[in-house]
Amino acid sequence: MTILGIGNILQKDDGVGVYAATYLRKNYTFSKEIEIINGGVEGINLFSIFENDDTVLVLDSVELEDEPASIYLIPSYELSGHGLNSGGAHEIGVLQILDMLELQGKPLPEVTILGIIPQHITFDMALSQTITEAFEDYITTALQYLKKKGIESTRKDQTTSLVEVIQAMKKL
């Protein structure tokens, strides 16, 4: 299984998926092997992840008509019904990858998007207060999804806060 954080950390709440992937890697151990990848805005360049793994959880912000910080768990077969084609380049990349796999006759992985409605998409390396306050719920939803997949999580003794994760990304 792969957890793939996507988004642009230079555009405020759009980077939530990248921050969440880093947060999970730094703060939890898992009962089964999980690869956690920060995919950023690589889009179509992430093709091999979807080609080589049979289960992918994508962490991302999603542009849907709902209140900021609303959390959605969307299976890939429902993606077109949620307006993700009109989203950012990384959402288009995920849909294009699935289409390419299907056109090549390759098996499609089980892809689920864990999306959160952003408060602000603007040039800033931070998260809005609204998304920061909802971040633990977002992480909890990811951990509940993993548990349903038979993967238990254990919080590490030494943890890294969300603020520390964001600060470390600013230094890259």
N, C-alpha and C. Protein backbone atom coordinates (compact mmCIF):
# COMPACT_ATOMS: atom_id res chain seq x y z
N MET A 1 0.84 -1.18 0.00
CA MET A 1 0.00 0.00 0.00
C MET A 1 0.88 1.24 0.00
N THR A 2 0.41 2.27 -0.70
CA THR A 2 1.09 3.55 -0.74
C THR A 2 0.17 4.65 -0.26
N ILE A 3 0.72 5.55 0.55
CA ILE A 3 0.05 6.79 0.91
C ILE A 3 0.79 7.86 0.12
N LEU A 4 0.04 8.61 -0.67
CA LEU A 4 0.63 9.60 -1.56
C LEU A 4 0.08 10.98 -1.21
N GLY A 5 0.93 11.84 -0.69
CA GLY A 5 0.54 13.22 -0.40
C GLY A 5 0.84 14.09 -1.61
N ILE A 6 -0.20 14.75 -2.11
CA ILE A 6 0.01 15.63 -3.26
C ILE A 6 -0.51 17.03 -2.95
N GLY A 7 0.02 17.99 -3.69
CA GLY A 7 -0.37 19.38 -3.51
C GLY A 7 0.84 20.28 -3.61
N ASN A 8 0.57 21.56 -3.59
CA ASN A 8 1.61 22.57 -3.73
C ASN A 8 1.79 23.31 -2.42
N ILE A 9 2.90 23.05 -1.72
CA ILE A 9 3.14 23.68 -0.42
C ILE A 9 3.38 25.18 -0.53
N LEU A 10 3.56 25.68 -1.75
CA LEU A 10 3.73 27.12 -1.95
C LEU A 10 2.39 27.83 -2.05
N GLN A 11 1.29 27.06 -2.05
CA GLN A 11 -0.05 27.65 -2.20
C GLN A 11 -0.95 27.33 -1.01
N LYS A 12 -0.46 27.64 0.16
CA LYS A 12 -1.19 27.56 1.41
C LYS A 12 -1.90 26.21 1.60
N ASP A 13 -3.22 26.18 1.63
CA ASP A 13 -3.96 24.95 1.95
C ASP A 13 -3.82 23.87 0.88
N ASP A 14 -3.39 24.22 -0.31
CA ASP A 14 -3.19 23.21 -1.35
C ASP A 14 -2.11 22.21 -0.94
N GLY A 15 -1.22 22.58 -0.02
CA GLY A 15 -0.14 21.70 0.41
C GLY A 15 -0.50 20.73 1.51
N VAL A 16 -1.76 20.70 1.95
CA VAL A 16 -2.15 19.88 3.10
C VAL A 16 -1.81 18.40 2.91
N GLY A 17 -1.93 17.88 1.70
CA GLY A 17 -1.63 16.46 1.47
C GLY A 17 -0.16 16.13 1.68
N VAL A 18 0.71 17.03 1.27
CA VAL A 18 2.15 16.84 1.45
C VAL A 18 2.49 16.92 2.94
N TYR A 19 1.92 17.91 3.62
CA TYR A 19 2.16 18.02 5.06
C TYR A 19 1.64 16.79 5.80
N ALA A 20 0.47 16.30 5.41
CA ALA A 20 -0.12 15.13 6.09
C ALA A 20 0.72 13.88 5.87
N ALA A 21 1.23 13.68 4.66
CA ALA A 21 2.09 12.51 4.40
C ALA A 21 3.33 12.57 5.27
N THR A 22 3.95 13.73 5.35
CA THR A 22 5.16 13.90 6.18
C THR A 22 4.82 13.68 7.65
N TYR A 23 3.71 14.21 8.09
CA TYR A 23 3.28 14.07 9.47
C TYR A 23 3.08 12.59 9.83
N LEU A 24 2.42 11.85 8.95
CA LEU A 24 2.20 10.42 9.20
C LEU A 24 3.53 9.67 9.28
N ARG A 25 4.45 9.96 8.34
CA ARG A 25 5.75 9.29 8.32
C ARG A 25 6.53 9.56 9.60
N LYS A 26 6.50 10.79 10.07
CA LYS A 26 7.30 11.18 11.24
C LYS A 26 6.68 10.74 12.57
N ASN A 27 5.37 10.53 12.61
CA ASN A 27 4.71 10.32 13.89
C ASN A 27 4.11 8.94 14.13
N TYR A 28 4.09 8.08 13.11
CA TYR A 28 3.43 6.78 13.27
C TYR A 28 4.26 5.65 12.70
N THR A 29 4.08 4.48 13.31
CA THR A 29 4.55 3.24 12.73
C THR A 29 3.31 2.43 12.38
N PHE A 30 3.45 1.51 11.44
CA PHE A 30 2.30 0.77 10.95
C PHE A 30 2.56 -0.73 11.02
N SER A 31 1.47 -1.49 11.19
CA SER A 31 1.57 -2.94 11.37
C SER A 31 1.94 -3.67 10.07
N LYS A 32 1.75 -3.03 8.94
CA LYS A 32 2.14 -3.59 7.65
C LYS A 32 3.00 -2.57 6.93
N GLU A 33 3.74 -3.03 5.95
CA GLU A 33 4.61 -2.12 5.21
C GLU A 33 3.78 -1.15 4.37
N ILE A 34 4.04 0.11 4.57
CA ILE A 34 3.38 1.18 3.83
C ILE A 34 4.47 2.09 3.29
N GLU A 35 4.34 2.46 2.03
CA GLU A 35 5.24 3.45 1.48
C GLU A 35 4.52 4.79 1.53
N ILE A 36 5.16 5.78 2.13
CA ILE A 36 4.58 7.12 2.22
C ILE A 36 5.42 8.04 1.35
N ILE A 37 4.77 8.65 0.37
CA ILE A 37 5.47 9.45 -0.63
C ILE A 37 4.89 10.86 -0.66
N ASN A 38 5.79 11.83 -0.71
CA ASN A 38 5.38 13.22 -0.97
C ASN A 38 5.48 13.42 -2.47
N GLY A 39 4.34 13.45 -3.12
CA GLY A 39 4.31 13.58 -4.57
C GLY A 39 4.24 15.02 -5.05
N GLY A 40 4.04 15.96 -4.15
CA GLY A 40 4.00 17.37 -4.53
C GLY A 40 3.02 17.62 -5.67
N VAL A 41 3.50 18.22 -6.73
CA VAL A 41 2.68 18.53 -7.91
C VAL A 41 3.17 17.74 -9.12
N GLU A 42 3.71 16.57 -8.88
CA GLU A 42 4.30 15.76 -9.95
C GLU A 42 3.28 15.21 -10.93
N GLY A 43 2.01 15.09 -10.52
CA GLY A 43 0.97 14.65 -11.44
C GLY A 43 1.32 13.38 -12.19
N ILE A 44 1.38 13.47 -13.50
CA ILE A 44 1.58 12.32 -14.38
C ILE A 44 2.91 11.61 -14.11
N ASN A 45 3.88 12.30 -13.51
CA ASN A 45 5.17 11.69 -13.20
C ASN A 45 5.07 10.65 -12.08
N LEU A 46 3.91 10.55 -11.48
CA LEU A 46 3.69 9.56 -10.42
C LEU A 46 3.10 8.25 -10.96
N PHE A 47 3.10 8.11 -12.28
CA PHE A 47 2.50 6.96 -12.95
C PHE A 47 2.93 5.63 -12.34
N SER A 48 4.22 5.46 -12.07
CA SER A 48 4.73 4.16 -11.60
C SER A 48 4.13 3.76 -10.25
N ILE A 49 3.77 4.74 -9.43
CA ILE A 49 3.15 4.41 -8.14
C ILE A 49 1.83 3.69 -8.37
N PHE A 50 1.03 4.22 -9.27
CA PHE A 50 -0.28 3.64 -9.55
C PHE A 50 -0.17 2.35 -10.35
N GLU A 51 0.90 2.22 -11.12
CA GLU A 51 1.13 1.03 -11.93
C GLU A 51 1.62 -0.14 -11.07
N ASN A 52 2.38 0.17 -10.01
CA ASN A 52 3.06 -0.88 -9.24
C ASN A 52 2.42 -1.21 -7.91
N ASP A 53 1.43 -0.47 -7.48
CA ASP A 53 0.81 -0.76 -6.19
C ASP A 53 -0.68 -1.00 -6.39
N ASP A 54 -1.23 -1.92 -5.64
CA ASP A 54 -2.66 -2.23 -5.84
C ASP A 54 -3.59 -1.42 -4.96
N THR A 55 -3.04 -0.67 -3.98
CA THR A 55 -3.86 0.19 -3.13
C THR A 55 -3.11 1.50 -2.88
N VAL A 56 -3.76 2.61 -3.22
CA VAL A 56 -3.16 3.94 -3.03
C VAL A 56 -4.16 4.85 -2.34
N LEU A 57 -3.71 5.46 -1.24
CA LEU A 57 -4.50 6.49 -0.56
C LEU A 57 -3.85 7.82 -0.91
N VAL A 58 -4.60 8.69 -1.58
CA VAL A 58 -4.10 10.00 -2.00
C VAL A 58 -4.59 11.04 -1.01
N LEU A 59 -3.66 11.76 -0.41
CA LEU A 59 -3.98 12.85 0.52
C LEU A 59 -3.90 14.15 -0.26
N ASP A 60 -4.96 14.96 -0.23
CA ASP A 60 -4.99 16.15 -1.07
C ASP A 60 -6.07 17.12 -0.59
N SER A 61 -5.98 18.35 -1.05
CA SER A 61 -7.10 19.28 -0.90
C SER A 61 -7.98 19.09 -2.13
N VAL A 62 -9.27 19.29 -1.97
CA VAL A 62 -10.20 19.14 -3.09
C VAL A 62 -11.12 20.34 -3.16
N GLU A 63 -11.37 20.79 -4.36
CA GLU A 63 -12.25 21.94 -4.59
C GLU A 63 -13.67 21.43 -4.84
N LEU A 64 -14.47 21.39 -3.80
CA LEU A 64 -15.87 20.99 -3.90
C LEU A 64 -16.72 22.06 -3.24
N GLU A 65 -17.99 22.08 -3.60
CA GLU A 65 -18.92 23.04 -2.99
C GLU A 65 -19.30 22.55 -1.60
N ASP A 66 -18.55 23.00 -0.61
CA ASP A 66 -18.83 22.65 0.77
C ASP A 66 -18.04 23.61 1.66
N GLU A 67 -18.25 23.51 2.95
CA GLU A 67 -17.55 24.36 3.90
C GLU A 67 -16.06 24.01 3.94
N PRO A 68 -15.19 25.02 4.08
CA PRO A 68 -13.77 24.74 4.26
C PRO A 68 -13.55 23.79 5.44
N ALA A 69 -12.60 22.91 5.28
CA ALA A 69 -12.21 21.90 6.27
C ALA A 69 -13.13 20.68 6.26
N SER A 70 -14.12 20.63 5.38
CA SER A 70 -14.93 19.41 5.24
C SER A 70 -14.04 18.33 4.65
N ILE A 71 -14.17 17.13 5.19
CA ILE A 71 -13.30 16.02 4.80
C ILE A 71 -14.10 15.00 4.00
N TYR A 72 -13.51 14.55 2.90
CA TYR A 72 -14.14 13.57 2.02
C TYR A 72 -13.22 12.39 1.80
N LEU A 73 -13.78 11.20 1.83
CA LEU A 73 -13.08 9.98 1.46
C LEU A 73 -13.75 9.49 0.19
N ILE A 74 -13.08 9.64 -0.95
CA ILE A 74 -13.71 9.40 -2.24
C ILE A 74 -13.00 8.26 -2.97
N PRO A 75 -13.70 7.14 -3.23
CA PRO A 75 -13.10 6.07 -4.03
C PRO A 75 -12.89 6.55 -5.47
N SER A 76 -11.86 6.03 -6.13
CA SER A 76 -11.50 6.51 -7.47
C SER A 76 -12.64 6.38 -8.47
N TYR A 77 -13.48 5.36 -8.34
CA TYR A 77 -14.56 5.20 -9.31
C TYR A 77 -15.60 6.32 -9.21
N GLU A 78 -15.55 7.12 -8.14
CA GLU A 78 -16.47 8.25 -7.99
C GLU A 78 -15.82 9.59 -8.31
N LEU A 79 -14.56 9.60 -8.69
CA LEU A 79 -13.85 10.87 -8.86
C LEU A 79 -14.50 11.81 -9.85
N SER A 80 -14.94 11.30 -10.98
CA SER A 80 -15.50 12.21 -11.98
C SER A 80 -16.78 12.87 -11.48
N GLY A 81 -17.47 12.26 -10.58
CA GLY A 81 -18.70 12.83 -10.05
C GLY A 81 -18.48 13.93 -9.03
N HIS A 82 -17.23 14.17 -8.66
CA HIS A 82 -16.93 15.18 -7.65
C HIS A 82 -16.21 16.39 -8.20
N GLY A 83 -16.23 16.58 -9.51
CA GLY A 83 -15.68 17.79 -10.10
C GLY A 83 -14.17 17.91 -10.03
N LEU A 84 -13.45 16.82 -9.82
CA LEU A 84 -12.01 16.91 -9.70
C LEU A 84 -11.31 17.18 -11.03
N ASN A 85 -12.00 16.98 -12.14
CA ASN A 85 -11.38 17.30 -13.42
C ASN A 85 -11.08 18.78 -13.55
N SER A 86 -11.81 19.62 -12.85
CA SER A 86 -11.58 21.06 -12.94
C SER A 86 -10.65 21.57 -11.86
N GLY A 87 -10.07 20.66 -11.09
CA GLY A 87 -9.17 21.06 -10.01
C GLY A 87 -7.78 21.36 -10.52
N GLY A 88 -6.81 21.33 -9.61
CA GLY A 88 -5.43 21.64 -9.96
C GLY A 88 -4.79 20.54 -10.79
N ALA A 89 -3.58 20.79 -11.21
CA ALA A 89 -2.86 19.87 -12.09
C ALA A 89 -2.65 18.50 -11.46
N HIS A 90 -2.49 18.44 -10.13
CA HIS A 90 -2.24 17.15 -9.51
C HIS A 90 -3.48 16.26 -9.53
N GLU A 91 -4.69 16.83 -9.38
CA GLU A 91 -5.88 16.00 -9.50
C GLU A 91 -6.04 15.48 -10.92
N ILE A 92 -5.81 16.35 -11.89
CA ILE A 92 -5.90 15.93 -13.29
C ILE A 92 -4.89 14.82 -13.54
N GLY A 93 -3.71 14.93 -12.95
CA GLY A 93 -2.69 13.91 -13.12
C GLY A 93 -3.14 12.55 -12.62
N VAL A 94 -3.78 12.51 -11.46
CA VAL A 94 -4.26 11.24 -10.91
C VAL A 94 -5.30 10.63 -11.85
N LEU A 95 -6.25 11.44 -12.32
CA LEU A 95 -7.27 10.92 -13.23
C LEU A 95 -6.65 10.46 -14.55
N GLN A 96 -5.70 11.22 -15.06
CA GLN A 96 -5.02 10.83 -16.30
C GLN A 96 -4.27 9.52 -16.13
N ILE A 97 -3.63 9.36 -15.00
CA ILE A 97 -2.89 8.12 -14.75
C ILE A 97 -3.85 6.92 -14.77
N LEU A 98 -4.98 7.05 -14.10
CA LEU A 98 -5.95 5.95 -14.08
C LEU A 98 -6.47 5.66 -15.49
N ASP A 99 -6.73 6.73 -16.25
CA ASP A 99 -7.17 6.55 -17.64
C ASP A 99 -6.09 5.85 -18.47
N MET A 100 -4.83 6.25 -18.29
CA MET A 100 -3.74 5.64 -19.05
C MET A 100 -3.60 4.16 -18.72
N LEU A 101 -3.69 3.81 -17.46
CA LEU A 101 -3.61 2.40 -17.07
C LEU A 101 -4.73 1.60 -17.72
N GLU A 102 -5.93 2.15 -17.70
CA GLU A 102 -7.08 1.47 -18.29
C GLU A 102 -6.89 1.31 -19.79
N LEU A 103 -6.43 2.36 -20.47
CA LEU A 103 -6.21 2.29 -21.92
C LEU A 103 -5.13 1.27 -22.29
N GLN A 104 -4.16 1.08 -21.40
CA GLN A 104 -3.10 0.11 -21.64
C GLN A 104 -3.50 -1.31 -21.24
N GLY A 105 -4.72 -1.46 -20.73
CA GLY A 105 -5.19 -2.78 -20.34
C GLY A 105 -4.55 -3.29 -19.06
N LYS A 106 -3.98 -2.39 -18.28
CA LYS A 106 -3.34 -2.77 -17.02
C LYS A 106 -4.36 -2.72 -15.90
N PRO A 107 -4.15 -3.53 -14.87
CA PRO A 107 -5.10 -3.50 -13.75
C PRO A 107 -5.07 -2.16 -13.04
N LEU A 108 -6.26 -1.70 -12.66
CA LEU A 108 -6.36 -0.44 -11.94
C LEU A 108 -6.21 -0.70 -10.44
N PRO A 109 -5.39 0.12 -9.77
CA PRO A 109 -5.29 -0.03 -8.32
C PRO A 109 -6.55 0.49 -7.65
N GLU A 110 -6.73 0.11 -6.41
CA GLU A 110 -7.80 0.69 -5.60
C GLU A 110 -7.27 2.03 -5.10
N VAL A 111 -7.80 3.11 -5.66
CA VAL A 111 -7.35 4.45 -5.30
C VAL A 111 -8.47 5.15 -4.54
N THR A 112 -8.11 5.73 -3.41
CA THR A 112 -9.06 6.50 -2.62
C THR A 112 -8.43 7.86 -2.35
N ILE A 113 -9.21 8.90 -2.55
CA ILE A 113 -8.77 10.25 -2.26
C ILE A 113 -9.28 10.64 -0.88
N LEU A 114 -8.37 11.05 -0.01
CA LEU A 114 -8.77 11.66 1.26
C LEU A 114 -8.59 13.15 1.06
N GLY A 115 -9.70 13.83 0.79
CA GLY A 115 -9.65 15.24 0.46
C GLY A 115 -10.20 16.11 1.57
N ILE A 116 -9.69 17.31 1.61
CA ILE A 116 -10.20 18.31 2.55
C ILE A 116 -10.41 19.61 1.77
N ILE A 117 -11.52 20.26 2.02
CA ILE A 117 -11.85 21.51 1.33
C ILE A 117 -10.94 22.62 1.87
N PRO A 118 -10.18 23.28 1.00
CA PRO A 118 -9.28 24.33 1.48
C PRO A 118 -10.02 25.62 1.86
N GLN A 119 -9.43 26.37 2.76
CA GLN A 119 -9.94 27.70 3.11
C GLN A 119 -9.36 28.74 2.15
N HIS A 120 -8.03 28.66 1.94
CA HIS A 120 -7.34 29.63 1.08
C HIS A 120 -6.31 28.92 0.20
N ILE A 121 -6.35 29.22 -1.09
CA ILE A 121 -5.30 28.81 -2.02
C ILE A 121 -4.66 30.11 -2.49
N THR A 122 -3.51 30.42 -1.92
CA THR A 122 -2.80 31.65 -2.23
C THR A 122 -1.32 31.39 -2.00
N PHE A 123 -0.47 32.27 -2.42
CA PHE A 123 0.97 32.06 -2.27
C PHE A 123 1.40 32.29 -0.83
N ASP A 124 1.62 31.19 -0.12
CA ASP A 124 2.06 31.23 1.26
C ASP A 124 2.44 29.81 1.67
N MET A 125 3.56 29.65 2.34
CA MET A 125 3.96 28.33 2.84
C MET A 125 3.44 28.16 4.26
N ALA A 126 2.19 27.84 4.37
CA ALA A 126 1.54 27.66 5.66
C ALA A 126 0.20 26.99 5.40
N LEU A 127 -0.55 26.76 6.44
CA LEU A 127 -1.94 26.33 6.32
C LEU A 127 -2.80 27.37 7.00
N SER A 128 -4.00 27.55 6.47
CA SER A 128 -4.93 28.49 7.10
C SER A 128 -5.29 27.97 8.50
N GLN A 129 -5.78 28.86 9.33
CA GLN A 129 -6.20 28.47 10.68
C GLN A 129 -7.29 27.41 10.62
N THR A 130 -8.20 27.53 9.66
CA THR A 130 -9.30 26.58 9.52
C THR A 130 -8.78 25.17 9.25
N ILE A 131 -7.84 25.05 8.33
CA ILE A 131 -7.29 23.73 7.98
C ILE A 131 -6.40 23.22 9.11
N THR A 132 -5.64 24.11 9.75
CA THR A 132 -4.80 23.71 10.89
C THR A 132 -5.67 23.10 11.99
N GLU A 133 -6.80 23.74 12.27
CA GLU A 133 -7.70 23.23 13.31
C GLU A 133 -8.32 21.89 12.93
N ALA A 134 -8.50 21.63 11.64
CA ALA A 134 -9.11 20.36 11.18
C ALA A 134 -8.07 19.29 10.90
N PHE A 135 -6.78 19.63 11.01
CA PHE A 135 -5.72 18.71 10.60
C PHE A 135 -5.75 17.38 11.35
N GLU A 136 -5.95 17.42 12.66
CA GLU A 136 -5.99 16.16 13.43
C GLU A 136 -7.15 15.28 12.99
N ASP A 137 -8.30 15.88 12.67
CA ASP A 137 -9.43 15.09 12.16
C ASP A 137 -9.07 14.45 10.82
N TYR A 138 -8.36 15.20 9.99
CA TYR A 138 -7.91 14.69 8.69
C TYR A 138 -6.98 13.48 8.88
N ILE A 139 -6.02 13.61 9.80
CA ILE A 139 -5.10 12.51 10.10
C ILE A 139 -5.86 11.33 10.68
N THR A 140 -6.80 11.59 11.59
CA THR A 140 -7.60 10.52 12.18
C THR A 140 -8.39 9.78 11.11
N THR A 141 -8.92 10.49 10.13
CA THR A 141 -9.65 9.86 9.04
C THR A 141 -8.72 8.95 8.23
N ALA A 142 -7.50 9.40 7.99
CA ALA A 142 -6.52 8.56 7.29
C ALA A 142 -6.23 7.29 8.09
N LEU A 143 -6.03 7.43 9.38
CA LEU A 143 -5.73 6.28 10.24
C LEU A 143 -6.92 5.31 10.31
N GLN A 144 -8.15 5.85 10.32
CA GLN A 144 -9.34 4.99 10.33
C GLN A 144 -9.46 4.22 9.00
N TYR A 145 -9.13 4.88 7.89
CA TYR A 145 -9.13 4.21 6.59
C TYR A 145 -8.13 3.06 6.61
N LEU A 146 -6.93 3.31 7.11
CA LEU A 146 -5.91 2.25 7.18
C LEU A 146 -6.38 1.09 8.05
N LYS A 147 -7.03 1.40 9.17
CA LYS A 147 -7.52 0.36 10.06
C LYS A 147 -8.54 -0.53 9.35
N LYS A 148 -9.42 0.08 8.54
CA LYS A 148 -10.39 -0.71 7.77
C LYS A 148 -9.68 -1.61 6.75
N LYS A 149 -8.48 -1.23 6.36
CA LYS A 149 -7.68 -2.03 5.43
C LYS A 149 -6.81 -3.05 6.18
N GLY A 150 -7.01 -3.14 7.49
CA GLY A 150 -6.26 -4.11 8.28
C GLY A 150 -4.88 -3.63 8.70
N ILE A 151 -4.65 -2.33 8.67
CA ILE A 151 -3.35 -1.76 9.03
C ILE A 151 -3.51 -0.94 10.30
N GLU A 152 -2.89 -1.42 11.35
CA GLU A 152 -2.93 -0.71 12.63
C GLU A 152 -1.82 0.33 12.67
N SER A 153 -2.05 1.41 13.41
CA SER A 153 -1.04 2.46 13.56
C SER A 153 -0.71 2.63 15.03
N THR A 154 0.54 2.99 15.28
CA THR A 154 0.99 3.28 16.64
C THR A 154 1.73 4.61 16.61
N ARG A 155 1.32 5.50 17.49
CA ARG A 155 1.98 6.81 17.56
C ARG A 155 3.36 6.62 18.19
N LYS A 156 4.36 7.22 17.59
CA LYS A 156 5.73 7.14 18.09
C LYS A 156 5.86 7.93 19.39
N ASP A 157 6.84 7.53 20.22
CA ASP A 157 7.09 8.25 21.47
C ASP A 157 7.58 9.67 21.19
N GLN A 158 8.51 9.81 20.26
CA GLN A 158 9.02 11.12 19.85
C GLN A 158 8.22 11.57 18.64
N THR A 159 7.48 12.66 18.76
CA THR A 159 6.64 13.10 17.65
C THR A 159 7.07 14.47 17.14
N THR A 160 6.60 14.78 15.95
CA THR A 160 6.86 16.04 15.29
C THR A 160 5.52 16.74 15.09
N SER A 161 5.43 17.99 15.51
CA SER A 161 4.17 18.72 15.38
C SER A 161 3.95 19.18 13.94
N LEU A 162 2.72 19.54 13.64
CA LEU A 162 2.40 20.08 12.32
C LEU A 162 3.23 21.34 12.05
N VAL A 163 3.37 22.19 13.05
CA VAL A 163 4.17 23.42 12.89
C VAL A 163 5.61 23.06 12.52
N GLU A 164 6.17 22.05 13.17
CA GLU A 164 7.54 21.62 12.86
C GLU A 164 7.65 21.06 11.45
N VAL A 165 6.63 20.31 11.01
CA VAL A 165 6.62 19.78 9.65
C VAL A 165 6.64 20.92 8.64
N ILE A 166 5.79 21.93 8.85
CA ILE A 166 5.73 23.07 7.93
C ILE A 166 7.04 23.84 7.94
N GLN A 167 7.60 24.06 9.12
CA GLN A 167 8.88 24.80 9.22
C GLN A 167 10.00 24.06 8.49
N ALA A 168 10.03 22.74 8.62
CA ALA A 168 11.07 21.96 7.93
C ALA A 168 10.94 22.07 6.42
N MET A 169 9.70 22.11 5.92
CA MET A 169 9.47 22.24 4.47
C MET A 169 9.93 23.60 3.96
N LYS A 170 9.81 24.61 4.80
CA LYS A 170 10.24 25.95 4.40
C LYS A 170 11.76 26.01 4.20
N LYS A 171 12.48 25.13 4.89
CA LYS A 171 13.94 25.14 4.80
C LYS A 171 14.47 24.37 3.60
N LEU A 172 13.61 23.60 2.93
CA LEU A 172 14.06 22.80 1.78
C LEU A 172 14.36 23.64 0.58
